[in-house]
Amino acid sequence: MTDAFDPIAFLEAAVATPSHPGAGVAAMRALLVETLDAHDAEPWVDDAGNILATRSFTAGTADPSRPTDFGTSRAAGGPHYVLNTHIDTVSPHVPLEVDREAGVIRGRGACDAKGQVVTLLAAFLQADLQGGRLTLAITPDEEILSTGAYALVDDEGSPIRHADGVIVGEPTGLDVCTAAKGRFEGTIELTGANAHAAEPHSGTNAVAALGAALRALETFDERPGAPPPHPDLGGPTLTPTVVDGGEATNQVPDRARLTVDRRSVPPETTAAFDAALTSHLRDAVPDDVDVTFEFTDRPTPFLEAWATDADAPIVGALAAAAGSTVRPFTAATEASYFAAHAPTVVFGPGDLADDRGAVAHSPREYVRVADVQAAIAATTGALERLETSYHNN
């Protein structure tokens, strides 16, 4: 008989296992695959490094399987729900520290996102459904390029595109998050003409044109036709982050580059932002300065802003099971990829920051054991509520 899954023991082992860029995720992936195997879940790893497992339910019995398409919507006479989070963390690794008296687990990944892995893993193994399918999909590189998550939805035939709902694990303080800003990044390039600094008017100073470009960034979201603030997320932000220009101290510079960070809100897309920003800059900088904008090159699409209807069944079921607030999430997340195709929420134990400062991605990262246990109960309860509601309707 398979031993019962011990979520807190698994969480301690996971936090102790380095999975930052310097170490890679192989050891953490092996721990998760070994655990799923030990509980007869028949996991597999796809070509993008995602760890996948699926359970099909019929009349209260679960059949773990390893199909090539890992399930379809309303498979086995019921809905199909997907549980997703990631195993990678940011550098550097922070060793495991267990404070049993306080009920706290500290270390890199404690809340972002190994606390989420154990929450979704436990719900996946423990949910008692009468029909339908659960897919556990754990990605390898959310903190960098999200190639794993994008691979899960890139194929038009992907069953995740047709799922009845997706729960993405992130530290939300047990709130249910139904929207998040997107994140775009790119570089503005201003091009003028070199000249001797003793005769500055004989050239076109690209660095001097930065002043007009910076002022244009400040007014971008006040331009005529700019979309209004989102009712939940508020307004977008556009932040200059890196500047570079000039080659010699006695030469009028012919080029200047300015990198910007965009946190978008629905319905803005990358294409709309590109066109609007380029036009706004062109109107702002001097006519003799050429201006272009290019997104930072990456192999996957940027994480777009997204929002799920608050009336979606997965929102109500999870909020009721958790007894929590429904609100936006404050960081960009792989939920963006899933929300483009299926009702998606972000949920999990732990916080990005507390009243003392940063928690996730910081040396003091921690998660409370009681919150992990509450998240497991809420996620499991929500899945069972959803499946019962499906059959009653």
Protein backbone atom coordinates (compact mmCIF):
# COMPACT_ATOMS: atom_id res chain seq x y z
CA MET A 1 0.00 0.00 0.00
CA THR A 2 1.32 3.46 -0.95
CA ASP A 3 2.20 5.62 2.04
CA ALA A 4 0.08 8.73 2.53
CA PHE A 5 1.63 11.86 1.05
CA ASP A 6 3.26 14.11 3.69
CA PRO A 7 3.14 17.62 2.21
CA ILE A 8 5.28 19.32 4.85
CA ALA A 9 8.05 16.72 4.63
CA PHE A 10 8.02 17.15 0.86
CA LEU A 11 8.15 20.94 1.20
CA GLU A 12 11.18 20.76 3.49
CA ALA A 13 12.94 18.47 1.01
CA ALA A 14 12.02 20.78 -1.88
CA VAL A 15 13.30 23.95 -0.20
CA ALA A 16 16.54 22.13 0.66
CA THR A 17 16.98 21.24 -3.03
CA PRO A 18 18.68 24.06 -4.99
CA SER A 19 16.92 25.00 -8.24
CA HIS A 20 18.31 28.45 -9.04
CA PRO A 21 19.99 29.22 -12.39
CA GLY A 22 23.45 28.22 -11.17
CA ALA A 23 22.27 24.79 -10.05
CA GLY A 24 19.58 24.09 -12.62
CA VAL A 25 16.31 22.30 -11.92
CA ALA A 26 17.35 18.69 -12.55
CA ALA A 27 17.53 17.73 -8.86
CA MET A 28 14.20 19.39 -8.07
CA ARG A 29 12.58 17.80 -11.10
CA ALA A 30 13.88 14.39 -10.00
CA LEU A 31 12.44 14.89 -6.49
CA LEU A 32 9.01 15.72 -7.88
CA VAL A 33 9.01 12.87 -10.42
CA GLU A 34 10.15 10.41 -7.74
CA THR A 35 7.37 11.57 -5.41
CA LEU A 36 4.70 11.25 -8.10
CA ASP A 37 6.02 7.80 -9.02
CA ALA A 38 5.88 6.75 -5.38
CA HIS A 39 2.18 7.65 -5.35
CA ASP A 40 1.38 5.80 -8.60
CA ALA A 41 0.76 9.01 -10.55
CA GLU A 42 2.84 7.94 -13.60
CA PRO A 43 4.47 11.32 -14.33
CA TRP A 44 6.43 12.17 -17.45
CA VAL A 45 8.69 15.00 -18.60
CA ASP A 46 7.98 16.57 -21.99
CA ASP A 47 10.47 18.01 -24.48
CA ALA A 48 10.24 21.46 -22.84
CA GLY A 49 11.15 20.10 -19.40
CA ASN A 50 7.62 20.30 -17.98
CA ILE A 51 6.65 17.67 -15.41
CA LEU A 52 3.19 16.33 -16.23
CA ALA A 53 0.79 13.93 -14.60
CA THR A 54 -2.90 13.31 -15.08
CA ARG A 55 -5.71 11.59 -13.19
CA SER A 56 -8.97 10.50 -14.83
CA PHE A 57 -11.94 9.95 -12.52
CA THR A 58 -14.93 7.70 -13.04
CA ALA A 59 -17.51 7.11 -10.31
CA GLY A 60 -15.07 8.03 -7.55
CA THR A 61 -12.11 6.00 -8.83
CA ALA A 62 -8.93 7.56 -10.14
CA ASP A 63 -6.94 6.23 -13.06
CA PRO A 64 -3.47 7.75 -13.39
CA SER A 65 -2.40 7.58 -17.02
CA ARG A 66 0.20 8.84 -19.41
CA PRO A 67 -1.59 9.69 -22.65
CA THR A 68 0.17 11.63 -25.37
CA ASP A 69 -2.35 14.48 -25.09
CA PHE A 70 -2.65 14.30 -21.24
CA GLY A 71 -6.39 14.66 -21.31
CA THR A 72 -9.08 16.70 -22.99
CA SER A 73 -11.75 19.03 -21.72
CA ARG A 74 -14.64 17.18 -20.08
CA ALA A 75 -12.71 13.94 -20.31
CA ALA A 76 -14.12 10.91 -18.51
CA GLY A 77 -17.55 12.46 -18.05
CA GLY A 78 -16.54 15.61 -16.24
CA PRO A 79 -14.54 18.83 -16.36
CA HIS A 80 -10.81 19.14 -16.94
CA TYR A 81 -8.84 21.31 -14.50
CA VAL A 82 -5.15 22.15 -14.70
CA LEU A 83 -2.87 22.82 -11.71
CA ASN A 84 0.27 24.76 -12.62
CA THR A 85 3.28 26.32 -10.95
CA HIS A 86 7.06 26.26 -11.35
CA ILE A 87 10.08 24.60 -9.74
CA ASP A 88 12.79 27.15 -10.56
CA THR A 89 13.86 29.87 -8.14
CA VAL A 90 16.03 32.98 -8.39
CA SER A 91 19.67 33.13 -7.27
CA PRO A 92 21.28 32.75 -4.87
CA HIS A 93 20.17 29.61 -3.07
CA VAL A 94 19.16 30.23 0.56
CA PRO A 95 19.41 27.07 2.72
CA LEU A 96 16.44 25.46 4.41
CA GLU A 97 15.64 26.57 7.95
CA VAL A 98 12.73 24.99 9.82
CA ASP A 99 11.27 26.77 12.84
CA ARG A 100 8.87 24.18 14.20
CA GLU A 101 7.90 26.26 17.22
CA ALA A 102 6.78 29.16 15.02
CA GLY A 103 5.44 26.87 12.30
CA VAL A 104 7.58 28.54 9.63
CA ILE A 105 9.73 27.15 6.81
CA ARG A 106 12.41 29.50 5.49
CA GLY A 107 14.70 29.32 2.47
CA ARG A 108 14.81 30.10 -1.22
CA GLY A 109 11.62 28.90 -2.86
CA ALA A 110 9.70 28.47 0.40
CA CYS A 111 6.84 30.53 -1.01
CA ASP A 112 7.98 31.15 -4.60
CA ALA A 113 7.16 28.59 -5.61
CA LYS A 114 7.87 25.35 -3.74
CA GLY A 115 5.07 26.14 -1.30
CA GLN A 116 2.89 26.27 -4.40
CA VAL A 117 4.28 23.01 -5.77
CA VAL A 118 3.37 21.13 -2.59
CA THR A 119 -0.08 22.76 -2.48
CA LEU A 120 -0.98 21.69 -6.01
CA LEU A 121 0.75 18.30 -5.70
CA ALA A 122 -1.24 17.49 -2.56
CA ALA A 123 -4.52 18.60 -4.15
CA PHE A 124 -3.72 16.58 -7.26
CA LEU A 125 -3.06 13.42 -5.22
CA GLN A 126 -5.87 13.86 -2.68
CA ALA A 127 -8.85 15.24 -4.64
CA ASP A 128 -11.80 12.81 -4.57
CA LEU A 129 -13.80 13.41 -7.74
CA GLN A 130 -16.62 11.48 -9.39
CA GLY A 131 -15.61 12.25 -12.94
CA GLY A 132 -13.41 14.38 -15.15
CA ARG A 133 -9.69 14.89 -15.25
CA LEU A 134 -6.95 16.70 -13.33
CA THR A 135 -3.67 17.67 -14.98
CA LEU A 136 -0.64 18.64 -12.92
CA ALA A 137 1.73 20.74 -15.07
CA ILE A 138 4.91 21.99 -13.37
CA THR A 139 7.15 24.25 -15.45
CA PRO A 140 10.95 24.60 -15.27
CA ASP A 141 11.79 28.24 -16.03
CA GLU A 142 9.10 30.72 -14.99
CA GLU A 143 11.67 33.08 -13.51
CA ILE A 144 13.56 33.42 -16.81
CA LEU A 145 11.83 32.84 -20.17
CA SER A 146 8.78 30.65 -19.47
CA THR A 147 9.61 28.29 -22.33
CA GLY A 148 7.93 25.42 -20.48
CA ALA A 149 4.63 27.22 -19.92
CA TYR A 150 4.56 28.54 -23.47
CA ALA A 151 5.12 25.02 -24.83
CA LEU A 152 2.02 23.86 -22.93
CA VAL A 153 -0.24 26.24 -24.87
CA ASP A 154 1.67 26.85 -28.12
CA ASP A 155 0.13 23.92 -30.00
CA GLU A 156 -3.41 24.64 -31.22
CA GLY A 157 -4.34 21.11 -30.20
CA SER A 158 -3.14 21.56 -26.61
CA PRO A 159 -5.83 20.34 -24.18
CA ILE A 160 -4.87 23.14 -21.79
CA ARG A 161 -6.30 25.57 -24.35
CA HIS A 162 -9.66 23.90 -23.76
CA ALA A 163 -9.47 23.30 -20.02
CA ASP A 164 -12.43 24.25 -17.86
CA GLY A 165 -10.11 26.14 -15.53
CA VAL A 166 -6.50 26.62 -14.48
CA ILE A 167 -5.13 27.28 -10.98
CA VAL A 168 -1.67 28.83 -11.08
CA GLY A 169 0.28 28.66 -7.84
CA GLU A 170 1.92 31.89 -6.67
CA PRO A 171 2.22 33.51 -3.21
CA THR A 172 -1.06 35.45 -2.86
CA GLY A 173 -1.55 35.29 0.90
CA LEU A 174 -4.41 32.82 0.21
CA ASP A 175 -6.34 35.44 -1.77
CA VAL A 176 -7.82 34.46 -5.14
CA CYS A 177 -6.32 36.61 -7.89
CA THR A 178 -8.19 37.05 -11.15
CA ALA A 179 -6.03 39.58 -13.02
CA ALA A 180 -2.46 40.76 -13.36
CA LYS A 181 -0.49 43.33 -15.25
CA GLY A 182 1.66 42.23 -18.15
CA ARG A 183 5.35 42.99 -18.54
CA PHE A 184 7.02 44.16 -21.74
CA GLU A 185 10.61 45.31 -22.14
CA GLY A 186 12.32 47.04 -25.03
CA THR A 187 14.83 49.65 -26.12
CA ILE A 188 14.26 53.06 -27.65
CA GLU A 189 17.08 54.04 -30.01
CA LEU A 190 17.67 57.66 -30.95
CA THR A 191 19.91 58.30 -33.97
CA GLY A 192 21.54 61.62 -34.84
CA ALA A 193 24.85 62.54 -36.48
CA ASN A 194 28.41 62.68 -35.11
CA ALA A 195 30.32 65.96 -35.02
CA HIS A 196 33.24 67.57 -33.21
CA ALA A 197 32.13 68.81 -29.80
CA ALA A 198 33.75 72.16 -30.63
CA GLU A 199 31.14 72.57 -33.38
CA PRO A 200 28.08 70.93 -31.82
CA HIS A 201 25.60 72.52 -34.22
CA SER A 202 27.24 70.73 -37.14
CA GLY A 203 25.90 67.43 -35.84
CA THR A 204 22.72 66.05 -34.28
CA ASN A 205 23.07 65.14 -30.60
CA ALA A 206 21.21 61.91 -29.85
CA VAL A 207 21.97 62.10 -26.12
CA ALA A 208 20.45 65.58 -25.91
CA ALA A 209 17.28 64.15 -27.48
CA LEU A 210 16.91 61.85 -24.48
CA GLY A 211 15.31 64.72 -22.57
CA ALA A 212 12.40 64.87 -25.01
CA ALA A 213 12.12 61.09 -25.02
CA LEU A 214 11.99 60.92 -21.22
CA ARG A 215 9.31 63.60 -21.09
CA ALA A 216 7.34 61.62 -23.68
CA LEU A 217 7.43 58.55 -21.43
CA GLU A 218 5.88 60.60 -18.62
CA THR A 219 2.97 61.66 -20.84
CA PHE A 220 2.48 58.42 -22.76
CA ASP A 221 -0.52 57.26 -20.75
CA GLU A 222 -2.08 60.72 -20.85
CA ARG A 223 -2.11 60.90 -24.66
CA PRO A 224 -5.44 61.21 -26.51
CA GLY A 225 -6.91 57.76 -27.04
CA ALA A 226 -4.93 56.11 -24.23
CA PRO A 227 -6.97 53.35 -22.59
CA PRO A 228 -8.40 54.18 -19.15
CA PRO A 229 -7.11 52.54 -15.97
CA HIS A 230 -8.29 48.98 -15.40
CA PRO A 231 -11.02 48.76 -12.71
CA ASP A 232 -9.00 46.24 -10.68
CA LEU A 233 -5.39 46.76 -11.73
CA GLY A 234 -5.36 50.53 -12.01
CA GLY A 235 -3.19 52.26 -14.57
CA PRO A 236 -0.20 50.90 -16.47
CA THR A 237 3.36 52.05 -15.77
CA LEU A 238 6.19 52.90 -18.15
CA THR A 239 9.60 53.12 -16.47
CA PRO A 240 12.99 54.02 -17.99
CA THR A 241 15.54 51.58 -16.56
CA VAL A 242 18.84 51.62 -18.51
CA VAL A 243 20.46 54.35 -20.60
CA ASP A 244 23.49 54.22 -22.89
CA GLY A 245 24.96 56.69 -25.37
CA GLY A 246 28.07 58.37 -26.69
CA GLU A 247 31.56 57.02 -27.35
CA ALA A 248 34.01 59.92 -26.93
CA THR A 249 34.01 62.85 -24.55
CA ASN A 250 34.84 65.34 -27.33
CA GLN A 251 32.32 64.09 -29.89
CA VAL A 252 28.64 64.84 -30.48
CA PRO A 253 27.04 61.41 -29.97
CA ASP A 254 25.07 59.97 -32.89
CA ARG A 255 23.26 57.29 -30.85
CA ALA A 256 21.52 56.94 -27.51
CA ARG A 257 19.61 53.95 -26.18
CA LEU A 258 17.00 53.88 -23.45
CA THR A 259 15.54 50.63 -22.10
CA VAL A 260 12.00 50.78 -20.72
CA ASP A 261 9.90 48.48 -18.55
CA ARG A 262 6.16 48.42 -19.32
CA ARG A 263 3.59 47.02 -16.87
CA SER A 264 0.46 46.83 -18.97
CA VAL A 265 -3.23 46.42 -18.15
CA PRO A 266 -5.98 44.89 -20.28
CA PRO A 267 -6.77 45.34 -23.11
CA GLU A 268 -3.28 46.55 -24.13
CA THR A 269 -1.22 44.10 -26.17
CA THR A 270 2.42 44.12 -27.21
CA ALA A 271 1.49 45.09 -30.78
CA ALA A 272 -0.68 48.01 -29.68
CA PHE A 273 1.97 49.25 -27.24
CA ASP A 274 4.73 49.13 -29.87
CA ALA A 275 2.75 51.18 -32.39
CA ALA A 276 1.49 53.73 -29.85
CA LEU A 277 4.87 54.29 -28.18
CA THR A 278 6.72 54.70 -31.48
CA SER A 279 4.19 57.27 -32.69
CA HIS A 280 4.25 59.16 -29.38
CA LEU A 281 8.05 59.34 -29.37
CA ARG A 282 8.19 60.42 -33.00
CA ASP A 283 5.95 63.38 -32.17
CA ALA A 284 8.12 64.32 -29.17
CA VAL A 285 11.75 64.19 -30.34
CA PRO A 286 13.32 66.70 -32.75
CA ASP A 287 12.64 66.09 -36.43
CA ASP A 288 16.34 65.56 -37.22
CA VAL A 289 16.57 62.66 -34.75
CA ASP A 290 15.44 59.24 -35.93
CA VAL A 291 13.61 57.15 -33.32
CA THR A 292 12.90 53.42 -33.23
CA PHE A 293 11.64 51.00 -30.60
CA GLU A 294 12.36 47.27 -30.45
CA PHE A 295 11.25 44.71 -27.90
CA THR A 296 14.00 42.77 -26.15
CA ASP A 297 14.61 39.60 -28.10
CA ARG A 298 13.33 36.46 -26.39
CA PRO A 299 12.19 33.01 -27.59
CA THR A 300 8.76 33.26 -25.95
CA PRO A 301 6.07 35.95 -25.99
CA PHE A 302 6.08 38.53 -23.24
CA LEU A 303 3.63 37.94 -20.41
CA GLU A 304 0.56 39.93 -21.44
CA ALA A 305 -1.90 41.51 -19.04
CA TRP A 306 -4.86 39.25 -18.32
CA ALA A 307 -8.16 39.16 -16.45
CA THR A 308 -10.63 36.38 -15.69
CA ASP A 309 -14.33 37.12 -15.27
CA ALA A 310 -15.14 37.24 -11.56
CA ASP A 311 -18.25 35.16 -12.32
CA ALA A 312 -16.21 32.22 -13.67
CA PRO A 313 -16.99 29.06 -11.67
CA ILE A 314 -13.36 28.51 -10.71
CA VAL A 315 -13.24 31.94 -9.06
CA GLY A 316 -16.30 31.40 -6.89
CA ALA A 317 -15.38 27.85 -5.95
CA LEU A 318 -11.86 28.70 -4.83
CA ALA A 319 -12.89 31.90 -3.01
CA ALA A 320 -15.61 29.99 -1.14
CA ALA A 321 -13.27 27.12 -0.25
CA ALA A 322 -10.52 29.49 0.92
CA GLY A 323 -12.85 32.03 2.55
CA SER A 324 -10.69 34.69 0.98
CA THR A 325 -10.68 37.95 -0.93
CA VAL A 326 -10.79 38.16 -4.71
CA ARG A 327 -8.23 40.67 -6.01
CA PRO A 328 -5.58 41.25 -8.68
CA PHE A 329 -2.09 39.77 -8.48
CA THR A 330 0.71 42.33 -8.31
CA ALA A 331 3.38 40.59 -10.43
CA ALA A 332 3.59 39.22 -13.96
CA THR A 333 3.07 35.47 -14.08
CA GLU A 334 2.79 32.49 -16.43
CA ALA A 335 -0.95 32.66 -15.79
CA SER A 336 -0.87 35.08 -18.73
CA TYR A 337 -0.33 32.20 -21.17
CA PHE A 338 -3.12 30.07 -19.72
CA ALA A 339 -5.63 32.89 -19.26
CA ALA A 340 -5.57 33.54 -23.00
CA HIS A 341 -7.30 30.19 -23.45
CA ALA A 342 -9.09 29.13 -20.25
CA PRO A 343 -10.52 30.70 -17.05
CA THR A 344 -7.47 31.13 -14.83
CA VAL A 345 -6.83 32.17 -11.23
CA VAL A 346 -3.64 32.70 -9.23
CA PHE A 347 -3.65 31.35 -5.67
CA GLY A 348 -1.33 30.09 -2.99
CA PRO A 349 0.27 30.38 0.44
CA GLY A 350 2.90 32.96 1.32
CA ASP A 351 3.38 36.57 0.30
CA LEU A 352 5.52 38.53 -2.12
CA ALA A 353 6.11 41.02 0.71
CA ASP A 354 4.98 41.60 4.28
CA ASP A 355 5.05 44.56 6.67
CA ARG A 356 8.81 44.12 7.12
CA GLY A 357 9.60 44.18 3.40
CA ALA A 358 10.32 41.69 0.63
CA VAL A 359 9.63 38.00 1.22
CA ALA A 360 9.73 36.23 -2.15
CA HIS A 361 13.08 36.52 -3.96
CA SER A 362 14.68 37.76 -0.73
CA PRO A 363 17.09 36.24 1.83
CA ARG A 364 14.24 36.08 4.39
CA GLU A 365 11.85 34.12 2.16
CA TYR A 366 9.47 31.99 4.22
CA VAL A 367 6.06 30.33 4.27
CA ARG A 368 3.86 29.40 7.21
CA VAL A 369 3.00 25.72 7.57
CA ALA A 370 -0.57 26.58 8.54
CA ASP A 371 -0.98 28.57 5.33
CA VAL A 372 0.29 25.69 3.22
CA GLN A 373 -2.17 23.35 4.90
CA ALA A 374 -4.99 25.86 4.38
CA ALA A 375 -4.06 26.25 0.71
CA ILE A 376 -4.11 22.47 0.20
CA ALA A 377 -7.54 22.21 1.82
CA ALA A 378 -8.90 25.12 -0.20
CA THR A 379 -7.57 23.87 -3.55
CA THR A 380 -8.81 20.34 -2.92
CA GLY A 381 -12.17 21.63 -1.74
CA ALA A 382 -12.54 23.92 -4.75
CA LEU A 383 -11.87 21.09 -7.20
CA GLU A 384 -14.46 18.92 -5.47
CA ARG A 385 -17.00 21.79 -5.45
CA LEU A 386 -16.45 22.41 -9.15
CA GLU A 387 -16.85 18.78 -10.08
CA THR A 388 -20.01 18.42 -7.97
CA SER A 389 -21.47 21.56 -9.49
CA TYR A 390 -20.72 20.25 -12.99
CA HIS A 391 -22.68 17.06 -12.38
CA ASN A 392 -25.55 18.87 -10.62
CA ASN A 393 -25.96 21.17 -13.59
